[in-house]
Protein backbone atom coordinates (compact mmCIF):
# COMPACT_ATOMS: atom_id res chain seq x y z
CA MET A 1 93.98 160.17 114.43
CA ASP A 2 96.91 160.49 116.84
CA PRO A 3 97.26 157.56 119.25
CA ILE A 4 96.22 158.19 122.82
CA ASP A 5 99.05 158.44 125.33
CA VAL A 6 98.66 155.56 127.85
CA GLN A 7 100.82 155.26 130.95
CA ALA A 8 100.82 153.23 134.18
CA ALA A 9 101.39 154.68 137.63
CA GLY A 10 101.33 153.54 141.22
CA GLY A 11 100.01 155.27 144.33
CA GLY A 12 96.71 156.83 145.07
CA ILE A 13 94.36 157.84 142.27
CA ALA A 14 93.10 161.00 143.96
CA GLN A 15 96.56 162.56 143.73
CA GLN A 16 97.05 161.83 140.03
CA PRO A 17 97.57 164.85 137.73
CA ALA A 18 94.48 164.27 135.64
CA ASP A 19 91.29 166.10 134.57
CA CYS A 20 89.07 163.15 135.29
CA LEU A 21 89.31 160.30 137.85
CA VAL A 22 87.46 157.04 137.08
CA VAL A 23 86.59 154.57 139.83
CA GLU A 24 84.62 151.37 139.22
CA LEU A 25 81.63 150.00 141.05
CA ALA A 26 79.91 146.62 140.76
CA GLU A 27 76.15 146.45 140.60
CA ASP A 28 75.78 144.31 143.70
CA ALA A 29 77.95 146.59 145.81
CA ARG A 30 76.29 147.60 149.10
CA ARG A 31 79.09 149.82 150.22
CA LEU A 32 82.25 151.39 148.86
CA THR A 33 85.59 149.64 149.29
CA GLY A 34 89.18 150.08 148.18
CA VAL A 35 89.96 152.97 145.81
CA ALA A 36 86.27 153.94 145.48
CA ALA A 37 86.10 154.37 149.26
CA GLN A 38 89.32 156.41 149.27
CA VAL A 39 88.04 158.79 146.59
CA ASP A 40 84.73 158.99 148.39
CA THR A 41 86.51 159.99 151.55
CA ALA A 42 88.22 162.77 149.65
CA LEU A 43 84.86 163.83 148.34
CA ARG A 44 83.38 163.81 151.88
CA GLY A 45 80.94 160.95 151.11
CA ALA A 46 79.47 162.31 147.89
CA ILE A 47 79.67 158.91 146.09
CA ALA A 48 78.23 156.95 149.03
CA ALA A 49 75.34 159.39 149.25
CA MET A 50 74.53 158.97 145.55
CA LEU A 51 74.74 155.23 145.99
CA ARG A 52 72.25 155.34 148.91
CA ASP A 53 69.92 157.56 146.93
CA GLY A 54 69.91 155.26 143.90
CA LEU A 55 71.64 157.84 141.69
CA ILE A 56 74.47 155.32 141.17
CA THR A 57 73.66 151.66 140.64
CA GLY A 58 76.87 150.10 139.24
CA ARG A 59 74.89 148.75 136.29
CA ALA A 60 77.17 147.62 133.44
CA GLY A 61 78.11 150.56 131.26
CA GLU A 62 76.75 153.24 133.65
CA VAL A 63 78.85 156.40 133.68
CA VAL A 64 77.97 158.92 136.39
CA SER A 65 79.82 162.19 137.06
CA VAL A 66 80.16 163.15 140.69
CA PRO A 67 80.65 166.79 141.72
CA THR A 68 84.07 167.27 143.28
CA GLY A 69 83.59 170.64 144.98
CA GLY A 70 87.33 171.24 144.46
CA ARG A 71 88.20 168.52 146.99
CA VAL A 72 90.50 166.65 144.59
CA PRO A 73 92.86 168.12 141.94
CA ALA A 74 90.81 166.64 139.09
CA LYS A 75 87.90 168.54 137.56
CA ARG A 76 85.55 165.55 137.82
CA VAL A 77 85.18 162.09 139.22
CA VAL A 78 83.35 159.43 137.17
CA VAL A 79 81.89 156.29 138.62
CA HIS A 80 81.84 153.48 136.01
CA GLY A 81 79.42 150.61 136.54
CA THR A 82 80.83 147.15 135.85
CA GLY A 83 77.66 145.10 136.32
CA LYS A 84 76.84 142.07 138.43
CA ASP A 85 79.08 139.30 137.07
CA ALA A 86 82.82 138.89 137.47
CA ARG A 87 84.40 140.29 134.30
CA THR A 88 86.46 138.35 131.86
CA ILE A 89 89.31 139.85 129.91
CA ASP A 90 87.08 140.16 126.86
CA GLN A 91 84.36 141.96 128.88
CA LEU A 92 86.95 144.24 130.34
CA ARG A 93 88.16 145.17 126.88
CA ARG A 94 84.70 145.75 125.54
CA GLN A 95 83.65 147.85 128.53
CA ALA A 96 86.82 149.95 128.19
CA GLY A 97 85.91 150.78 124.60
CA ASN A 98 82.42 151.91 125.55
CA LEU A 99 83.79 153.84 128.58
CA ALA A 100 86.35 155.62 126.41
CA ARG A 101 83.66 156.97 124.08
CA ALA A 102 81.45 158.04 126.99
CA LEU A 103 84.40 159.92 128.51
CA ARG A 104 85.09 161.58 125.16
CA GLY A 105 81.50 162.73 125.16
CA LEU A 106 82.23 164.36 128.51
CA ASN A 107 85.37 165.98 127.08
CA ALA A 108 87.24 164.21 129.89
CA GLY A 109 90.79 165.22 128.77
CA ARG A 110 93.47 163.51 130.87
CA VAL A 111 91.95 160.45 132.50
CA ALA A 112 93.20 158.46 135.48
CA LEU A 113 91.57 155.03 135.87
CA SER A 114 92.06 152.71 138.84
CA THR A 115 92.91 149.15 137.88
CA GLU A 116 92.10 147.81 141.34
CA ALA A 117 88.80 146.13 140.42
CA ALA A 118 90.36 144.53 137.30
CA THR A 119 93.65 143.30 138.74
CA ASP A 120 91.99 141.89 141.86
CA ARG A 121 90.41 139.14 139.85
CA LEU A 122 92.37 138.95 136.57
CA ASP A 123 95.99 138.65 135.62
CA PRO A 124 97.38 142.18 136.02
CA GLU A 125 99.31 142.20 132.75
CA ASP A 126 96.34 140.85 130.73
CA ALA A 127 93.95 143.24 132.42
CA ALA A 128 96.17 146.26 131.68
CA ARG A 129 96.60 145.17 128.08
CA ALA A 130 92.83 144.78 127.69
CA LEU A 131 92.14 148.21 129.22
CA THR A 132 94.70 149.84 126.98
CA GLU A 133 93.40 148.12 123.85
CA GLY A 134 89.83 148.91 124.75
CA PHE A 135 90.49 152.64 125.18
CA ALA A 136 92.73 153.04 122.16
CA LEU A 137 90.46 150.98 119.86
CA GLY A 138 87.24 152.44 121.18
CA LEU A 139 88.42 156.01 120.66
CA TYR A 140 89.43 155.45 117.04
CA ARG A 141 87.67 157.58 114.46
CA PHE A 142 88.30 158.12 110.76
CA ASP A 143 87.33 161.73 110.15
CA ARG A 144 90.30 163.15 108.29
CA HIS A 145 88.22 164.09 105.25
CA HIS A 146 85.62 166.11 107.21
CA THR A 147 86.62 169.68 106.52
CA ARG A 148 84.25 171.21 109.12
CA ALA A 149 84.84 170.81 112.82
CA GLU A 150 81.14 170.35 113.58
CA ASP A 151 81.14 167.17 111.51
CA ARG A 152 83.69 165.52 113.76
CA PRO A 153 82.90 163.92 117.11
CA ARG A 154 83.32 166.51 119.82
CA GLY A 155 85.30 166.13 123.04
CA ALA A 156 88.51 164.37 123.69
CA VAL A 157 90.29 161.92 125.89
CA SER A 158 93.90 163.07 125.46
CA ALA A 159 95.69 160.73 127.83
CA LEU A 160 95.06 157.71 130.05
CA THR A 161 96.91 156.74 133.21
CA LEU A 162 96.16 153.29 134.67
CA VAL A 163 96.69 153.60 138.38
CA GLU A 164 97.57 150.33 140.17
CA PRO A 165 97.44 150.61 143.95
CA ALA A 166 99.31 147.38 144.68
CA PRO A 167 103.10 147.95 144.21
CA ARG A 168 103.74 144.27 143.49
CA LYS A 169 101.42 144.40 140.47
CA LEU A 170 102.76 147.61 138.93
CA ALA A 171 105.48 146.09 136.75
CA ALA A 172 102.99 143.66 135.21
CA VAL A 173 100.53 146.51 134.59
CA ARG A 174 103.30 148.50 132.84
CA ARG A 175 104.10 145.48 130.60
CA GLY A 176 100.41 145.13 129.75
CA VAL A 177 100.15 148.81 128.86
CA GLU A 178 103.11 148.64 126.51
CA VAL A 179 101.85 145.56 124.64
CA GLY A 180 98.26 146.91 124.53
CA ARG A 181 99.41 150.18 123.08
CA VAL A 182 101.47 148.40 120.38
CA LEU A 183 98.61 146.09 119.38
CA ALA A 184 96.01 148.89 119.32
CA ASP A 185 98.25 151.20 117.24
CA ALA A 186 98.82 148.39 114.72
CA THR A 187 95.09 147.66 114.50
CA ASN A 188 94.29 151.38 114.04
CA LEU A 189 96.93 151.60 111.31
CA THR A 190 95.11 148.77 109.51
CA ARG A 191 91.84 150.60 109.99
CA ASP A 192 93.36 153.76 108.52
CA LEU A 193 94.68 151.97 105.40
CA ALA A 194 91.36 150.14 104.77
CA ASN A 195 89.07 153.06 105.52
CA GLU A 196 90.72 155.40 103.00
CA PRO A 197 88.85 155.81 99.74
CA ALA A 198 90.46 153.85 96.88
CA ASN A 199 91.62 156.95 95.03
CA LEU A 200 93.73 157.79 98.10
CA MET A 201 94.90 154.25 98.80
CA THR A 202 96.08 152.88 95.47
CA PRO A 203 98.58 149.97 95.28
CA THR A 204 101.37 152.56 95.00
CA ILE A 205 100.24 154.35 98.18
CA VAL A 206 99.90 151.04 100.08
CA ALA A 207 103.50 150.26 99.09
CA GLU A 208 104.62 153.65 100.29
CA ARG A 209 102.90 153.13 103.63
CA ALA A 210 104.53 149.68 103.96
CA GLN A 211 107.93 151.22 103.27
CA ALA A 212 107.29 153.79 105.97
CA VAL A 213 106.35 151.05 108.43
CA ALA A 214 109.49 149.17 107.56
CA ALA A 215 111.72 152.25 107.95
CA ALA A 216 110.26 153.08 111.31
CA GLY A 217 110.48 149.50 112.63
CA GLY A 218 113.67 148.24 111.15
CA LEU A 219 111.99 145.81 108.80
CA GLU A 220 113.19 144.80 105.34
CA CYS A 221 110.88 145.86 102.58
CA THR A 222 110.90 144.78 98.94
CA ILE A 223 108.37 145.98 96.32
CA ILE A 224 108.12 143.60 93.35
CA GLU A 225 107.12 145.69 90.34
CA ARG A 226 105.21 144.40 87.33
CA ALA A 227 108.28 143.54 85.25
CA GLU A 228 109.79 141.48 88.04
CA ALA A 229 106.44 139.78 88.71
CA GLU A 230 106.28 138.80 85.10
CA ARG A 231 109.84 137.41 85.24
CA LEU A 232 108.79 135.36 88.34
CA GLY A 233 105.83 134.01 86.40
CA MET A 234 103.12 135.53 88.57
CA GLY A 235 100.50 135.27 85.89
CA SER A 236 97.60 134.67 88.26
CA TYR A 237 98.26 137.83 90.26
CA LEU A 238 98.94 139.89 87.15
CA SER A 239 95.74 138.72 85.44
CA VAL A 240 93.80 140.68 88.05
CA ALA A 241 95.90 143.79 87.41
CA ASN A 242 95.39 143.73 83.66
CA GLY A 243 92.34 145.95 83.61
CA SER A 244 93.73 148.76 85.81
CA SER A 245 95.80 151.76 84.90
CA GLN A 246 97.26 151.64 88.41
CA PRO A 247 100.53 149.68 88.56
CA PRO A 248 100.40 146.59 90.79
CA LYS A 249 102.69 146.36 93.80
CA PHE A 250 103.68 143.01 95.32
CA ILE A 251 104.84 143.99 98.81
CA VAL A 252 107.24 141.87 100.84
CA LEU A 253 108.13 142.67 104.47
CA ARG A 254 110.66 140.69 106.54
CA TYR A 255 111.21 140.63 110.25
CA ARG A 256 114.33 138.78 111.34
CA GLY A 257 114.35 137.99 115.06
CA GLY A 258 114.68 134.21 115.12
CA GLY A 259 118.18 133.46 113.81
CA ARG A 260 118.24 130.66 111.26
CA THR A 261 114.71 129.37 111.92
CA ARG A 262 112.24 129.19 109.06
CA PRO A 263 109.85 132.11 109.02
CA LEU A 264 106.13 132.34 109.69
CA GLY A 265 104.50 133.46 106.47
CA LEU A 266 101.61 135.96 106.51
CA VAL A 267 99.87 136.62 103.20
CA GLY A 268 97.19 139.31 102.85
CA LYS A 269 94.85 139.98 99.88
CA GLY A 270 95.40 143.50 98.68
CA ILE A 271 92.64 144.45 96.18
CA THR A 272 92.61 148.21 96.75
CA PHE A 273 89.30 148.42 94.86
CA ASP A 274 87.18 145.60 93.47
CA THR A 275 84.65 146.34 90.79
CA GLY A 276 84.47 142.66 89.90
CA GLY A 277 86.28 143.31 86.64
CA ILE A 278 84.49 142.14 83.52
CA SER A 279 82.16 140.17 85.85
CA LEU A 280 81.03 143.54 87.14
CA LYS A 281 79.48 143.76 90.62
CA PRO A 282 76.09 145.46 91.17
CA GLY A 283 76.51 149.17 91.92
CA ALA A 284 74.67 149.09 95.23
CA GLY A 285 77.24 148.86 98.05
CA MET A 286 80.20 148.73 95.73
CA GLU A 287 81.83 151.57 97.70
CA ARG A 288 82.57 149.07 100.47
CA MET A 289 85.03 147.41 98.12
CA LYS A 290 87.65 149.98 99.12
CA GLY A 291 88.09 147.60 102.05
CA ASP A 292 88.90 144.60 99.84
CA MET A 293 92.59 145.22 100.71
CA THR A 294 91.97 144.61 104.44
CA GLY A 295 93.98 141.36 104.35
CA ALA A 296 97.02 143.30 103.03
CA ALA A 297 96.45 146.08 105.56
CA ALA A 298 96.23 143.51 108.36
CA VAL A 299 99.59 141.84 107.60
CA ILE A 300 101.25 145.27 107.26
CA GLY A 301 99.76 146.33 110.64
CA ALA A 302 100.79 143.00 112.22
CA MET A 303 104.37 143.52 111.02
CA GLN A 304 104.43 146.97 112.61
CA ALA A 305 103.54 145.41 115.98
CA ILE A 306 105.90 142.45 115.60
CA ALA A 307 108.77 144.83 114.91
CA ALA A 308 107.89 146.87 118.00
CA LEU A 309 107.58 143.87 120.28
CA ALA A 310 110.70 142.14 118.83
CA PRO A 311 109.88 138.46 119.48
CA ALA A 312 112.51 135.77 118.78
CA VAL A 313 110.95 134.59 115.56
CA ASN A 314 111.28 135.23 111.80
CA VAL A 315 108.24 136.52 109.98
CA LEU A 316 107.66 137.10 106.24
CA ALA A 317 104.63 139.18 105.19
CA VAL A 318 103.44 139.24 101.60
CA ALA A 319 100.82 141.69 100.32
CA PRO A 320 99.99 141.36 96.59
CA CYS A 321 98.25 144.68 95.78
CA THR A 322 96.29 145.70 92.72
CA GLU A 323 92.93 147.05 91.63
CA ASN A 324 90.36 144.84 89.85
CA MET A 325 88.93 146.95 87.10
CA PRO A 326 87.03 146.39 83.78
CA SER A 327 88.73 147.67 80.58
CA GLY A 328 89.79 146.61 77.13
CA SER A 329 92.88 144.95 78.64
CA ALA A 330 91.08 143.18 81.49
CA THR A 331 91.06 139.43 81.89
CA LYS A 332 87.97 137.89 80.39
CA PRO A 333 85.79 135.06 81.73
CA GLY A 334 87.14 131.85 80.18
CA ASP A 335 90.74 133.00 80.00
CA VAL A 336 93.50 130.66 81.22
CA VAL A 337 96.38 132.00 83.26
CA TYR A 338 99.43 130.44 84.93
CA ALA A 339 100.46 130.88 88.53
CA MET A 340 104.17 131.13 89.46
CA ASP A 341 104.29 127.48 90.50
CA GLY A 342 103.17 126.45 87.02
CA GLN A 343 99.56 125.55 87.71
CA SER A 344 97.04 126.64 85.09
CA ILE A 345 93.83 128.37 86.13
CA GLU A 346 90.63 128.85 84.11
CA VAL A 347 89.16 132.22 85.12
CA LEU A 348 85.41 131.63 85.02
CA ASN A 349 84.51 134.73 87.00
CA THR A 350 86.75 137.76 87.27
CA ASP A 351 85.06 138.74 90.54
CA ALA A 352 86.63 135.72 92.16
CA GLU A 353 89.92 137.63 91.99
CA GLY A 354 91.16 137.45 95.54
CA ARG A 355 92.09 133.85 95.28
CA LEU A 356 94.06 134.64 92.07
CA VAL A 357 96.30 137.16 93.79
CA LEU A 358 96.62 134.94 96.89
CA ALA A 359 97.66 131.98 94.67
CA ASP A 360 100.88 133.75 93.71
CA GLY A 361 101.22 135.27 97.17
CA LEU A 362 101.16 131.83 98.77
CA ALA A 363 103.35 130.32 96.10
CA TYR A 364 105.90 133.05 96.60
CA ALA A 365 105.87 132.67 100.41
CA ARG A 366 106.17 128.92 100.09
CA ARG A 367 109.20 129.37 97.80
CA GLN A 368 110.80 131.47 100.59
CA GLY A 369 110.78 128.40 102.81
CA CYS A 370 108.13 129.42 105.33
CA ALA A 371 107.51 126.96 108.14
CA ALA A 372 103.81 127.85 108.24
CA LEU A 373 101.51 130.01 106.15
CA VAL A 374 98.50 132.07 107.18
CA ASP A 375 96.60 134.01 104.61
CA VAL A 376 94.01 136.71 105.40
CA ALA A 377 91.40 137.83 102.89
CA THR A 378 88.00 139.39 102.44
CA LEU A 379 87.47 136.46 100.15
CA THR A 380 83.84 135.47 99.89
CA GLY A 381 80.38 136.90 100.44
CA ALA A 382 79.37 133.36 101.30
CA MET A 383 81.32 133.60 104.54
CA SER A 384 79.21 136.57 105.60
CA ILE A 385 76.12 134.45 105.02
CA ALA A 386 77.53 131.51 106.96
CA LEU A 387 78.97 133.27 110.07
CA GLY A 388 77.69 136.86 109.93
CA ASN A 389 79.89 139.49 111.51
CA VAL A 390 80.85 137.61 114.68
CA ARG A 391 83.42 134.91 113.81
CA ILE A 392 86.25 134.59 111.27
CA GLY A 393 85.80 131.55 109.06
CA THR A 394 89.02 129.61 109.32
CA PHE A 395 90.34 126.75 107.20
CA ALA A 396 93.47 124.79 108.03
CA ASN A 397 95.26 121.73 106.72
CA ASN A 398 97.09 121.31 110.05
CA ASP A 399 95.44 120.80 113.42
CA ARG A 400 98.31 122.26 115.48
CA LEU A 401 98.42 125.48 113.43
CA TYR A 402 94.66 125.89 113.84
CA GLN A 403 94.91 125.33 117.60
CA ASP A 404 97.70 127.89 117.79
CA LEU A 405 95.52 130.39 115.87
CA GLU A 406 92.54 129.69 118.08
CA ARG A 407 94.62 130.39 121.21
CA ALA A 408 96.00 133.55 119.67
CA ALA A 409 92.52 134.78 118.79
CA ALA A 410 91.22 133.96 122.26
CA ALA A 411 94.02 136.06 123.82
CA CYS A 412 92.73 139.19 122.08
CA GLY A 413 88.97 138.65 121.84
CA GLU A 414 88.79 137.82 118.16
CA ARG A 415 86.80 134.68 117.47
CA LEU A 416 87.40 131.93 114.87
CA TRP A 417 85.28 129.09 113.56
CA ARG A 418 86.87 126.17 111.82
CA MET A 419 85.41 125.26 108.42
CA PRO A 420 85.76 121.95 106.47
CA LEU A 421 88.25 121.06 103.80
CA ASP A 422 86.97 117.69 102.69
CA ALA A 423 88.51 116.28 99.55
CA GLU A 424 85.11 116.12 97.82
CA TYR A 425 85.01 119.94 97.71
CA GLY A 426 88.22 119.94 95.66
CA GLU A 427 86.43 118.04 92.90
CA LEU A 428 84.19 121.06 92.33
CA ILE A 429 87.06 123.28 91.18
CA LYS A 430 88.47 120.89 88.57
CA SER A 431 88.48 122.54 85.12
CA ASP A 432 87.82 121.00 81.72
CA VAL A 433 90.44 123.16 80.08
CA ALA A 434 93.03 123.88 82.87
CA ASP A 435 94.22 122.38 86.12
CA ILE A 436 91.64 124.24 88.24
CA LYS A 437 88.99 126.86 87.81
CA ASN A 438 88.63 129.91 90.07
CA THR A 439 85.00 129.34 91.03
CA ALA A 440 82.57 126.46 91.38
CA GLY A 441 79.46 128.57 91.71
CA PRO A 442 77.50 129.54 94.85
CA ALA A 443 77.29 126.16 96.56
CA ALA A 444 79.90 125.91 99.37
CA GLY A 445 81.48 129.08 97.93
CA SER A 446 83.80 129.74 100.86
CA ILE A 447 84.95 126.18 101.02
CA THR A 448 85.71 125.83 97.35
CA ALA A 449 87.62 129.18 97.48
CA ALA A 450 89.67 127.66 100.31
CA LYS A 451 90.26 124.41 98.34
CA PHE A 452 91.55 126.60 95.52
CA LEU A 453 94.10 128.25 97.83
CA GLU A 454 95.11 124.90 99.29
CA ARG A 455 96.47 123.89 95.85
CA PHE A 456 99.25 126.44 96.24
CA VAL A 457 100.62 125.52 99.70
CA GLY A 458 101.71 121.91 99.13
CA ASP A 459 102.45 120.18 102.37
CA THR A 460 103.28 123.40 104.28
CA PRO A 461 101.09 123.89 107.35
CA TRP A 462 98.57 126.51 106.22
CA ALA A 463 95.52 128.35 107.52
CA HIS A 464 93.17 130.63 105.62
CA LEU A 465 91.21 133.35 107.44
CA ASP A 466 88.17 134.62 105.43
CA ILE A 467 87.40 137.96 107.09
CA ALA A 468 84.64 139.11 104.69
CA GLY A 469 82.01 139.05 107.43
CA VAL A 470 84.11 140.86 110.06
CA MET A 471 85.78 143.37 107.76
CA ASP A 472 83.73 146.34 108.94
CA SER A 473 81.20 147.42 111.61
CA THR A 474 78.04 149.43 111.13
CA SER A 475 78.02 150.83 114.65
CA ASP A 476 80.17 151.74 117.63
CA THR A 477 80.19 148.92 120.14
CA GLY A 478 82.98 147.83 122.49
CA VAL A 479 86.26 148.02 120.70
CA LEU A 480 84.58 148.25 117.32
CA VAL A 481 83.77 151.59 115.71
CA LYS A 482 81.83 152.32 112.53
CA GLY A 483 84.05 151.42 109.56
CA ASN A 484 86.88 148.94 109.26
CA THR A 485 87.50 146.70 112.28
CA GLY A 486 91.20 145.97 111.80
CA ALA A 487 90.66 142.23 112.27
CA PRO A 488 92.69 140.05 112.59
CA VAL A 489 95.85 142.01 113.31
CA ARG A 490 96.00 141.17 116.98
CA THR A 491 95.49 137.44 116.35
CA LEU A 492 98.43 137.39 113.91
CA VAL A 493 100.67 139.17 116.40
CA HIS A 494 99.72 136.84 119.22
CA LEU A 495 100.48 133.90 116.90
CA ALA A 496 103.95 135.25 116.23
CA LEU A 497 104.54 135.91 119.93
CA ALA A 498 103.48 132.33 120.80
CA ARG A 499 105.79 130.83 118.21
CA ALA A 500 108.65 132.82 119.71
CA ARG A 501 107.89 131.31 123.06
CA ALA A 502 107.56 127.75 121.76
C-alpha cells in the first residue's frame, strides 16, 4: 500500500482544506473547550447539543459524525472520544490506530486532526510522532493479491494534517510528524516483506529489495553469494541452505554516519520459508513460516529508517537469507558442520535452523568490529509459550545494552522482557561429538537457543530478541493489523538514535 501523506499545520482547524475534521473529547467533559468549542461555534452548537442529549459521551474509542450543514468547508466533523484517564504516549498511539481504521470505514478522505488535547499534556514532538505512527500503522493492509475490489477494505484516508493551535509548539509537532512517518514507513516495509508468500519473497527477492532500500537511502549493500560464503567458511549458514534449490543470499547493509566509531551490529534471521528440513514440521499452520524471515525484514526496515533520519552513528546490518527445505542434499540430523569462527556444531534437529544461520551472521558481524550486537529472530516456539504475543523475550550479556534496548522499546510502545542466561543452561548444549549441539530438547528451549548464539559473540556486548510470539497478529487492534506486526523495527531505530546522542 502507498504510505499516507502526513503533514503538520498551524492555525484553526475549521479552515483546513480537508474532507473530515476530527476534534477530541474526554469522557468526563461537561462542556466544550478549546478547539472543540471553536468548531462547535462554527456548527452553531451542534456538538454541544449532541453532548447534552447523550448522543456523544467521549467514551474511549467513540467516533461520532456530526452534521455540518455546510457551515465549515469540510464534508463532515467527527468527534473522537478519548476516555476518562489522561492519555500516555502509548495510549495515544493505540487510539490513533483504531481511529484511523474507523475513519477509513467512513471513507473520510483528507483528514485534519487537532493535536490540542494531546500536546496540552504530552511532549508535542512525542505526541505528534505517536499520532503519525498510529495512523500510518493502523491503516496498513496487505491486499495486493486480491484481484477483486470487493475483497479489499472499502473506504480511504488519503491524507492526514495534524493541526496544532499553539504556534510555539508547531516546530516540535513538525519534527514528530517527520520521525513518525519514517518509523511507520520502515515498519510497513518490514510487514510487506514478511507478509509476502514465500514463492514471491525468495532469498533472491529479499536481496533485491535490500539493494533497492540501499540505493534509495544511500546505504552500502553487499550480497555474499554461496561461493563467497564457502570461502569465508560459513558452514553453519550454508548447512541450512543445502536442501533448497533457491540460492542463499547473505545480505550486508552499511550506514556510515559516525566517522571512525565502531558500528552497531544488527543481525536478522532470514529463513524465507521453514519446512523444518529433514526434521519436517507438521503441516498444520506451516504456511505461517513465510514469516520466518521477519528478523531479516526488520533489520532491513530499520536500516531504511536510519538512513532517512541520518543519526551520527555507524550501523552494520546482516541478514543471512535462505530457505530450509527437505531434499536429497539437505543436512541430516546428526551431521556436524563448522561455523566461520571454527566452532563445530552437531545438528540434532534441522528445524532448529535459525540459530545456525545466526551463528555465522553474528560471527561475521563480530569480525567487522561491531561495538555491540543485536540479533532479531523468530527463533523458538517456546518463547510464544513463555510470553505469548505481548512481550519480546530478550537475552543480553551486558546490562547497559539491555537497559538501552528497554528505553528504546519504551519510546515506541514495544515491550521487552529479560530472560536468563545462567551458565548452567550452557551445559545443556554441549555435544558428545562436536563443540556444541543445536538443540537441547524442549526444556528451557528459548534459553538454550540463546546460549547457543552467545557462543558466537565472544566478549562483544550482545542482545538477542526472540520475536516468535510477536511476529504476527490475528486481529486489528491499535497499531497492529492482521498479519505481520513489523516488530521490532522501531526499537532498533530508537536504539541507533540513542547511541548517536550518547
